[in-house]
Amino acid sequence: MELGAQISYYKAWRGRKHAHTLIRGSPEQSLHVLPSYFHMLEKLNPGTVTRIEVDGESRFKYLFLAFGVAIRGFRYMRKVVGIDGTFLKGQYRGVLLVATAQDGNGQCYPLAWGIVDFENKDAWTWFLTQLKEIIGDTDELALISDRAPSIKKAISIVFEKAHHGACAWHVAQNIKNKFKCADIMGSYWSTVNAYRCEDFAGYMIEISNRYPRVAEYLENEVGFEKWSRCHYPGLRYNITTTNMVESLNSMLVNARDFPYVALLDVIQEKMSKWWNDRRILRPRFAQSNGRHTSQLNPITYHVKGAHHAQVSVYSLVSPYYTKEYYVLAYGETIYPVGSQSQWDVPNEVVARIVLPREVKKKKRGRPKTSRFPSVGEFRMRKNRCGKCGAYGHYKKKCNSQTGSTEGNPPTNVPV
């Protein structure tokens, strides 16, 4: 009406969809140029690894992308990798899989990206097999994820030496949902972060005295070695959750309905910006030996002992927290592929056929855009007052005398 035209909602939606297609291309066009796009990424970014998997009818199943810059830089990262998946919202749906490390400054360091048709054991096994080729499989490697059975099974198939740990946040959510004991969370997080087994045992006694079933669940069903820092068989440092992966998923929340190539363009652009910014805007490092001071050993008496023995405290810091490693990790640039009209692609790559996968007929109405909770998650319900109709409290605690919502606005409650 503001422009002097009155159109139906459906016509406005079709116009918006057509505009997006003109800018980003259609999903079918995106799959058609995917082999050429990957060829150009590999050409402009040496060492980049790409994979495309199709079925017997040349229909898309999986893709994998790892930039050579990130592969080479992983040697300067702590060997802790978070993995997770999030659903896509485009016409052909699919699931975006992510594997990321964390640098010494606590920032996400994306290693690999994948798109699969469904999040199941076969898809995770394929993705982790590609990941293993670029990061290896050693006793030093730690893989952190939620407790999804498909991820757990795939890790046991692909990685023989690496250690698998559970995301402590997902375990906490499961405790609150299963045992209704949110007041125990303080003690739980103390056990998660306990550096010494003696401290861990003390916190577990406190949990056992108050909620024996919770203590039994943590010990027998989950296992101390999966979520506890001091009982973990490998090295997971202070990385106890998959927050670094969730941050990447949140970054792409608006791009998850893009065609695949447009989505990968967003990923490339964001990673390129991060590498450039971090190479220029370096974190604050101590002047002595270029060591980062925020990640010193948490046991204070070690530092006091070092001073008494006239040993530099910086010698106690892992090289992963040094300025030298940080500079080397971000020393290269990730390059975009540029305009498609300027691509130089061999004919055999152009001729490769990748068709969209078959999808079930869509249901009527607006498509679902909110994700399903993973294992260990739950959704909080909105508390609505039966007297005034506002959210955030019950009828018994309502302060309204008239039954209206004036002066008692709804409270934003997370769902």
Protein backbone atom coordinates (compact mmCIF):
# COMPACT_ATOMS: atom_id res chain seq x y z
CA MET A 1 0.00 0.00 0.00
CA GLU A 2 2.92 2.38 0.63
CA LEU A 3 3.89 2.16 -3.06
CA GLY A 4 0.35 2.52 -4.31
CA ALA A 5 -0.04 -1.16 -5.22
CA GLN A 6 -2.09 -3.85 -3.55
CA ILE A 7 -0.98 -7.45 -4.13
CA SER A 8 -1.66 -10.74 -2.43
CA TYR A 9 0.71 -12.32 0.05
CA TYR A 10 1.45 -15.17 -2.34
CA LYS A 11 2.38 -12.82 -5.18
CA ALA A 12 4.71 -10.88 -2.87
CA TRP A 13 6.31 -14.17 -1.77
CA ARG A 14 6.85 -15.26 -5.39
CA GLY A 15 8.43 -11.89 -6.22
CA ARG A 16 10.79 -12.19 -3.27
CA LYS A 17 11.73 -15.73 -4.28
CA HIS A 18 12.41 -14.63 -7.88
CA ALA A 19 14.64 -11.79 -6.67
CA HIS A 20 16.65 -14.21 -4.53
CA THR A 21 17.04 -16.54 -7.51
CA LEU A 22 18.39 -13.70 -9.67
CA ILE A 23 20.97 -12.87 -7.01
CA ARG A 24 22.01 -16.30 -5.73
CA GLY A 25 20.89 -18.67 -8.47
CA SER A 26 18.45 -21.53 -8.15
CA PRO A 27 19.21 -24.71 -6.17
CA GLU A 28 19.42 -26.66 -9.43
CA GLN A 29 21.89 -24.18 -10.94
CA SER A 30 23.93 -24.29 -7.76
CA LEU A 31 24.38 -28.06 -7.97
CA HIS A 32 25.17 -27.82 -11.68
CA VAL A 33 28.13 -25.46 -11.09
CA LEU A 34 29.27 -27.13 -7.85
CA PRO A 35 32.10 -29.20 -9.46
CA SER A 36 33.40 -26.10 -11.27
CA TYR A 37 33.15 -24.05 -8.09
CA PHE A 38 35.18 -26.61 -6.16
CA HIS A 39 37.75 -26.75 -8.97
CA MET A 40 38.29 -22.99 -8.73
CA LEU A 41 38.56 -23.10 -4.94
CA GLU A 42 41.28 -25.74 -5.21
CA LYS A 43 43.04 -23.78 -7.95
CA LEU A 44 43.09 -20.46 -6.09
CA ASN A 45 43.68 -21.94 -2.62
CA PRO A 46 46.46 -24.57 -2.84
CA GLY A 47 45.99 -27.57 -0.59
CA THR A 48 42.21 -27.19 -0.42
CA VAL A 49 40.35 -30.51 -0.22
CA THR A 50 36.91 -30.91 -1.81
CA ARG A 51 34.73 -33.96 -2.29
CA ILE A 52 31.35 -34.57 -3.95
CA GLU A 53 29.45 -37.81 -3.47
CA VAL A 54 26.47 -38.76 -5.66
CA ASP A 55 24.28 -41.85 -5.88
CA GLY A 56 23.87 -44.20 -8.85
CA GLU A 57 21.58 -41.71 -10.59
CA SER A 58 24.04 -38.80 -10.17
CA ARG A 59 21.85 -37.26 -7.48
CA PHE A 60 23.59 -35.29 -4.76
CA LYS A 61 24.38 -37.03 -1.46
CA TYR A 62 27.34 -35.38 0.27
CA LEU A 63 29.95 -32.67 -0.15
CA PHE A 64 33.08 -31.84 1.83
CA LEU A 65 35.22 -28.68 1.91
CA ALA A 66 38.39 -27.91 3.85
CA PHE A 67 40.54 -24.90 2.92
CA GLY A 68 44.26 -25.57 2.59
CA VAL A 69 45.03 -22.57 4.78
CA ALA A 70 43.06 -24.07 7.68
CA ILE A 71 44.56 -27.54 7.13
CA ARG A 72 48.10 -26.18 7.36
CA GLY A 73 47.23 -23.95 10.28
CA PHE A 74 45.80 -26.80 12.35
CA ARG A 75 49.33 -27.83 13.35
CA TYR A 76 49.40 -24.66 15.49
CA MET A 77 46.07 -25.41 17.19
CA ARG A 78 45.31 -27.46 20.27
CA LYS A 79 44.21 -30.86 19.00
CA VAL A 80 40.61 -30.49 20.17
CA VAL A 81 37.96 -30.53 17.45
CA GLY A 82 34.27 -29.82 17.98
CA ILE A 83 31.80 -31.39 15.55
CA ASP A 84 28.09 -30.81 15.10
CA GLY A 85 25.38 -30.48 12.48
CA THR A 86 22.53 -28.09 11.80
CA PHE A 87 19.67 -28.42 9.34
CA LEU A 88 19.40 -26.34 6.18
CA LYS A 89 16.20 -24.56 5.18
CA GLY A 90 16.45 -24.42 1.38
CA GLN A 91 14.30 -26.22 -1.15
CA TYR A 92 16.25 -29.48 -0.93
CA ARG A 93 17.01 -29.19 2.78
CA GLY A 94 19.99 -31.24 3.93
CA VAL A 95 22.25 -30.90 6.97
CA LEU A 96 25.36 -28.73 7.36
CA LEU A 97 28.17 -30.52 9.23
CA VAL A 98 31.00 -28.55 10.83
CA ALA A 99 34.36 -29.42 12.38
CA THR A 100 36.23 -26.62 14.12
CA ALA A 101 39.20 -26.14 16.43
CA GLN A 102 39.90 -23.20 18.74
CA ASP A 103 43.00 -21.03 18.68
CA GLY A 104 45.00 -19.97 21.73
CA ASN A 105 42.97 -16.79 21.95
CA GLY A 106 39.69 -18.73 22.30
CA GLN A 107 38.46 -17.99 18.76
CA CYS A 108 36.81 -20.45 16.36
CA TYR A 109 39.16 -21.98 13.80
CA PRO A 110 36.93 -23.77 11.24
CA LEU A 111 38.60 -26.84 9.75
CA ALA A 112 36.01 -28.54 7.54
CA TRP A 113 32.48 -28.12 6.25
CA GLY A 114 30.11 -30.69 4.86
CA ILE A 115 26.58 -30.88 3.49
CA VAL A 116 24.77 -34.22 3.64
CA ASP A 117 21.27 -35.37 2.78
CA PHE A 118 20.44 -36.66 6.27
CA GLU A 119 22.21 -36.63 9.63
CA ASN A 120 22.74 -40.33 10.25
CA LYS A 121 25.56 -42.82 10.85
CA ASP A 122 26.43 -43.19 7.16
CA ALA A 123 26.65 -39.42 6.60
CA TRP A 124 28.76 -38.85 9.70
CA THR A 125 31.03 -41.78 8.82
CA TRP A 126 31.65 -40.33 5.35
CA PHE A 127 32.30 -36.83 6.71
CA LEU A 128 34.64 -38.02 9.48
CA THR A 129 36.53 -40.20 7.00
CA GLN A 130 37.31 -37.09 4.94
CA LEU A 131 38.19 -35.19 8.11
CA LYS A 132 40.58 -37.93 9.21
CA GLU A 133 42.51 -37.56 5.95
CA ILE A 134 43.36 -33.94 6.74
CA ILE A 135 43.92 -33.99 10.53
CA GLY A 136 45.05 -37.57 11.11
CA ASP A 137 44.25 -39.89 13.99
CA THR A 138 46.48 -39.67 17.08
CA ASP A 139 46.21 -40.13 20.85
CA GLU A 140 46.53 -36.36 21.19
CA LEU A 141 43.36 -35.72 19.18
CA ALA A 142 40.10 -35.05 21.06
CA LEU A 143 36.69 -34.97 19.37
CA ILE A 144 33.90 -33.16 21.24
CA SER A 145 30.24 -33.51 20.27
CA ASP A 146 26.77 -33.93 21.70
CA ARG A 147 25.65 -37.44 22.61
CA ALA A 148 23.88 -38.20 19.33
CA PRO A 149 24.12 -41.96 18.68
CA SER A 150 25.00 -41.44 14.99
CA ILE A 151 28.06 -39.33 15.87
CA LYS A 152 29.19 -41.71 18.60
CA LYS A 153 28.95 -44.70 16.28
CA ALA A 154 30.71 -42.94 13.39
CA ILE A 155 33.63 -41.84 15.58
CA SER A 156 34.12 -45.39 16.83
CA ILE A 157 34.24 -46.61 13.21
CA VAL A 158 36.59 -43.97 11.77
CA PHE A 159 38.92 -42.97 14.62
CA GLU A 160 40.85 -45.69 16.41
CA LYS A 161 43.27 -43.56 18.48
CA ALA A 162 41.44 -40.26 19.05
CA HIS A 163 39.36 -39.78 22.20
CA HIS A 164 35.68 -38.84 22.11
CA GLY A 165 34.25 -36.45 24.70
CA ALA A 166 30.71 -35.30 25.37
CA CYS A 167 29.63 -31.67 25.40
CA ALA A 168 29.19 -30.78 29.08
CA TRP A 169 26.43 -28.28 28.26
CA HIS A 170 24.29 -30.94 26.59
CA VAL A 171 24.82 -33.23 29.59
CA ALA A 172 23.71 -30.38 31.87
CA GLN A 173 20.56 -29.80 29.82
CA ASN A 174 19.78 -33.50 29.98
CA ILE A 175 20.15 -33.47 33.78
CA LYS A 176 17.76 -30.54 34.14
CA ASN A 177 15.24 -32.14 31.81
CA LYS A 178 15.45 -35.67 33.23
CA PHE A 179 15.83 -35.02 36.95
CA LYS A 180 14.32 -31.51 37.35
CA CYS A 181 17.20 -30.30 39.50
CA ALA A 182 18.48 -27.01 38.10
CA ASP A 183 19.80 -26.03 41.54
CA ILE A 184 22.57 -28.62 41.24
CA MET A 185 24.14 -26.96 38.23
CA GLY A 186 26.71 -25.02 40.24
CA SER A 187 28.17 -28.20 41.69
CA TYR A 188 27.94 -29.94 38.32
CA TRP A 189 29.99 -27.27 36.54
CA SER A 190 32.53 -27.37 39.37
CA THR A 191 33.01 -31.10 38.72
CA VAL A 192 33.29 -30.49 34.97
CA ASN A 193 36.07 -27.92 35.36
CA ALA A 194 37.86 -29.54 38.31
CA TYR A 195 41.55 -29.80 37.45
CA ARG A 196 42.44 -32.32 40.16
CA CYS A 197 40.69 -35.61 40.88
CA GLU A 198 40.61 -34.77 44.62
CA ASP A 199 38.53 -31.66 43.93
CA PHE A 200 36.33 -33.64 41.55
CA ALA A 201 35.61 -36.28 44.20
CA GLY A 202 34.56 -33.62 46.68
CA TYR A 203 32.06 -32.05 44.29
CA MET A 204 30.69 -35.48 43.32
CA ILE A 205 30.07 -36.30 46.99
CA GLU A 206 28.06 -33.09 47.25
CA ILE A 207 25.98 -34.06 44.20
CA SER A 208 25.53 -37.63 45.44
CA ASN A 209 24.28 -36.47 48.85
CA ARG A 210 21.65 -34.22 47.32
CA TYR A 211 20.71 -36.13 44.15
CA PRO A 212 21.93 -39.74 44.18
CA ARG A 213 20.21 -40.50 40.87
CA VAL A 214 22.09 -37.66 39.17
CA ALA A 215 25.42 -38.95 40.47
CA GLU A 216 24.57 -42.45 39.25
CA TYR A 217 23.57 -41.08 35.84
CA LEU A 218 26.82 -39.13 35.46
CA GLU A 219 28.98 -42.07 36.49
CA ASN A 220 27.27 -45.04 34.84
CA GLU A 221 25.16 -43.77 31.94
CA VAL A 222 27.34 -40.92 30.67
CA GLY A 223 30.71 -41.88 32.16
CA PHE A 224 33.14 -39.60 34.00
CA GLU A 225 35.67 -39.89 31.19
CA LYS A 226 33.23 -38.33 28.69
CA TRP A 227 32.51 -34.99 30.40
CA SER A 228 34.96 -34.51 33.30
CA ARG A 229 38.16 -32.61 32.63
CA CYS A 230 40.31 -34.53 35.12
CA HIS A 231 39.04 -37.99 34.08
CA TYR A 232 39.23 -37.40 30.33
CA PRO A 233 41.79 -39.88 28.92
CA GLY A 234 43.28 -37.36 26.49
CA LEU A 235 43.87 -33.60 26.41
CA ARG A 236 40.82 -31.39 25.98
CA TYR A 237 42.35 -28.39 27.85
CA ASN A 238 39.57 -26.04 28.99
CA ILE A 239 37.26 -26.91 26.07
CA THR A 240 34.32 -28.65 27.73
CA THR A 241 31.46 -27.77 25.37
CA THR A 242 30.69 -27.46 21.66
CA ASN A 243 30.01 -23.73 21.95
CA MET A 244 32.58 -23.02 19.24
CA VAL A 245 30.51 -25.09 16.79
CA GLU A 246 27.24 -23.53 17.93
CA SER A 247 28.77 -20.11 17.27
CA LEU A 248 29.44 -21.07 13.64
CA ASN A 249 25.88 -22.37 13.27
CA SER A 250 24.51 -19.10 14.65
CA MET A 251 26.71 -17.12 12.27
CA LEU A 252 25.02 -18.86 9.31
CA VAL A 253 21.45 -18.65 10.59
CA ASN A 254 20.37 -16.35 7.73
CA ALA A 255 22.35 -18.20 5.05
CA ARG A 256 20.99 -21.66 5.76
CA ASP A 257 18.19 -21.24 3.21
CA PHE A 258 20.64 -20.25 0.43
CA PRO A 259 21.52 -22.61 -2.45
CA TYR A 260 24.60 -24.67 -1.66
CA VAL A 261 27.14 -22.62 -3.64
CA ALA A 262 25.79 -19.35 -2.22
CA LEU A 263 26.07 -20.81 1.27
CA LEU A 264 29.67 -21.88 0.63
CA ASP A 265 30.41 -18.37 -0.68
CA VAL A 266 29.22 -16.94 2.65
CA ILE A 267 31.47 -19.39 4.50
CA GLN A 268 34.48 -18.51 2.33
CA GLU A 269 33.87 -14.78 2.74
CA LYS A 270 33.54 -15.03 6.52
CA MET A 271 36.65 -17.19 6.92
CA SER A 272 38.66 -14.89 4.65
CA LYS A 273 37.64 -11.90 6.77
CA TRP A 274 38.55 -13.68 10.00
CA TRP A 275 41.99 -14.66 8.71
CA ASN A 276 42.70 -11.12 7.49
CA ASP A 277 41.41 -9.42 10.66
CA ARG A 278 43.24 -11.76 13.01
CA ARG A 279 46.45 -11.38 11.05
CA ILE A 280 46.25 -7.60 11.48
CA LEU A 281 44.44 -7.19 14.82
CA ARG A 282 46.50 -9.54 16.95
CA PRO A 283 45.51 -10.16 20.58
CA ARG A 284 47.43 -8.67 23.46
CA PHE A 285 50.49 -10.74 24.29
CA ALA A 286 52.90 -10.34 27.14
CA GLN A 287 56.16 -8.64 26.26
CA SER A 288 58.28 -11.42 27.74
CA ASN A 289 59.04 -14.04 25.08
CA GLY A 290 55.77 -13.26 23.25
CA ARG A 291 53.80 -15.59 25.51
CA HIS A 292 50.07 -15.25 26.06
CA THR A 293 49.36 -14.75 29.77
CA SER A 294 45.64 -15.59 29.97
CA GLN A 295 46.10 -19.37 29.73
CA LEU A 296 48.70 -20.06 32.44
CA ASN A 297 48.43 -23.26 34.41
CA PRO A 298 45.47 -22.78 36.80
CA ILE A 299 47.30 -24.31 39.79
CA THR A 300 48.74 -21.30 41.58
CA TYR A 301 51.39 -23.16 43.52
CA HIS A 302 53.05 -24.21 40.25
CA VAL A 303 53.61 -20.54 39.46
CA LYS A 304 54.86 -19.84 42.98
CA GLY A 305 57.16 -22.83 42.75
CA ALA A 306 58.55 -21.60 39.45
CA HIS A 307 59.39 -18.23 40.98
CA HIS A 308 61.03 -19.94 43.95
CA ALA A 309 63.11 -22.13 41.64
CA GLN A 310 63.92 -19.12 39.45
CA VAL A 311 62.17 -20.71 36.47
CA SER A 312 60.31 -18.49 34.01
CA VAL A 313 56.55 -19.01 34.25
CA TYR A 314 56.39 -18.69 30.47
CA SER A 315 58.25 -21.98 30.15
CA LEU A 316 55.19 -23.63 31.73
CA VAL A 317 52.88 -22.37 28.98
CA SER A 318 52.02 -24.63 26.04
CA PRO A 319 53.37 -23.39 22.67
CA TYR A 320 49.76 -23.34 21.42
CA TYR A 321 49.32 -20.14 23.44
CA THR A 322 52.36 -18.34 22.06
CA LYS A 323 52.42 -15.39 19.73
CA GLU A 324 54.54 -17.33 17.24
CA TYR A 325 51.91 -20.05 16.81
CA TYR A 326 49.10 -17.52 16.52
CA VAL A 327 50.91 -15.63 13.74
CA LEU A 328 51.70 -18.84 11.85
CA ALA A 329 48.09 -20.06 12.09
CA TYR A 330 46.78 -16.94 10.33
CA GLY A 331 49.74 -16.22 8.08
CA GLU A 332 47.98 -17.00 4.78
CA THR A 333 44.95 -15.70 2.88
CA ILE A 334 41.78 -17.44 1.70
CA TYR A 335 40.89 -16.28 -1.82
CA PRO A 336 37.40 -16.09 -3.39
CA VAL A 337 36.61 -17.68 -6.75
CA GLY A 338 35.46 -14.46 -8.37
CA SER A 339 32.87 -14.10 -11.13
CA GLN A 340 31.77 -17.26 -12.90
CA SER A 341 32.48 -15.62 -16.25
CA GLN A 342 36.19 -15.56 -15.34
CA TRP A 343 36.48 -19.21 -14.31
CA ASP A 344 38.93 -21.44 -16.18
CA VAL A 345 37.58 -24.97 -15.74
CA PRO A 346 38.47 -28.13 -17.72
CA ASN A 347 35.72 -29.61 -19.87
CA GLU A 348 35.62 -32.87 -17.92
CA VAL A 349 34.82 -30.92 -14.74
CA VAL A 350 32.14 -28.84 -16.45
CA ALA A 351 30.59 -32.01 -17.87
CA ARG A 352 30.19 -33.65 -14.46
CA ILE A 353 26.50 -33.99 -13.61
CA VAL A 354 25.18 -33.39 -10.10
CA LEU A 355 21.40 -33.54 -9.87
CA PRO A 356 19.28 -32.48 -6.89
CA ARG A 357 18.13 -35.28 -4.67
CA GLU A 358 14.52 -36.34 -4.59
CA VAL A 359 12.52 -34.86 -1.75
CA LYS A 360 9.12 -35.66 -0.41
CA LYS A 361 6.23 -33.47 -1.45
CA LYS A 362 6.04 -30.43 0.79
CA LYS A 363 3.23 -30.05 3.23
CA ARG A 364 0.87 -27.13 2.89
CA GLY A 365 1.63 -23.98 4.83
CA ARG A 366 4.75 -22.18 5.98
CA PRO A 367 7.86 -24.42 6.07
CA LYS A 368 9.31 -25.26 9.47
CA THR A 369 12.44 -23.21 10.23
CA SER A 370 13.20 -24.03 13.87
CA ARG A 371 15.53 -26.95 14.46
CA PHE A 372 14.84 -30.13 16.37
CA PRO A 373 16.58 -30.37 19.77
CA SER A 374 19.59 -32.69 19.75
CA VAL A 375 20.29 -35.36 22.34
CA GLY A 376 20.52 -33.70 25.74
CA GLU A 377 18.52 -30.60 24.84
CA PHE A 378 15.04 -29.54 25.75
CA ARG A 379 12.83 -26.53 25.11
CA MET A 380 11.46 -24.41 27.91
CA ARG A 381 7.73 -23.73 27.79
CA LYS A 382 6.38 -20.22 28.06
CA ASN A 383 4.53 -19.69 31.33
CA ARG A 384 1.31 -17.87 30.56
CA CYS A 385 -0.86 -16.33 33.26
CA GLY A 386 -4.48 -17.50 33.21
CA LYS A 387 -5.61 -14.19 34.73
CA CYS A 388 -3.98 -11.43 32.70
CA GLY A 389 -2.73 -13.42 29.72
CA ALA A 390 0.88 -12.22 30.05
CA TYR A 391 3.90 -14.51 29.78
CA GLY A 392 6.52 -15.08 32.44
CA HIS A 393 4.41 -15.91 35.51
CA TYR A 394 1.47 -18.00 36.76
CA LYS A 395 -1.99 -16.95 37.92
CA LYS A 396 -1.10 -17.32 41.61
CA LYS A 397 1.73 -14.79 41.29
CA CYS A 398 -0.12 -12.32 39.11
CA ASN A 399 -0.08 -8.71 40.37
CA SER A 400 -2.81 -7.56 38.02
CA GLN A 401 -6.09 -6.62 39.71
CA THR A 402 -8.11 -5.91 36.57
CA GLY A 403 -7.18 -8.92 34.49
CA SER A 404 -5.66 -6.77 31.71
CA THR A 405 -2.07 -6.74 30.57
CA GLU A 406 -1.61 -2.98 31.10
CA GLY A 407 1.31 -2.25 33.35
CA ASN A 408 2.30 -5.92 33.28
CA PRO A 409 4.01 -6.49 29.92
CA PRO A 410 4.91 -10.01 28.81
CA THR A 411 8.30 -11.25 29.87
CA ASN A 412 10.62 -12.59 27.20
CA VAL A 413 11.17 -16.21 28.12
CA PRO A 414 13.52 -18.32 25.98
CA VAL A 415 12.10 -21.30 24.15
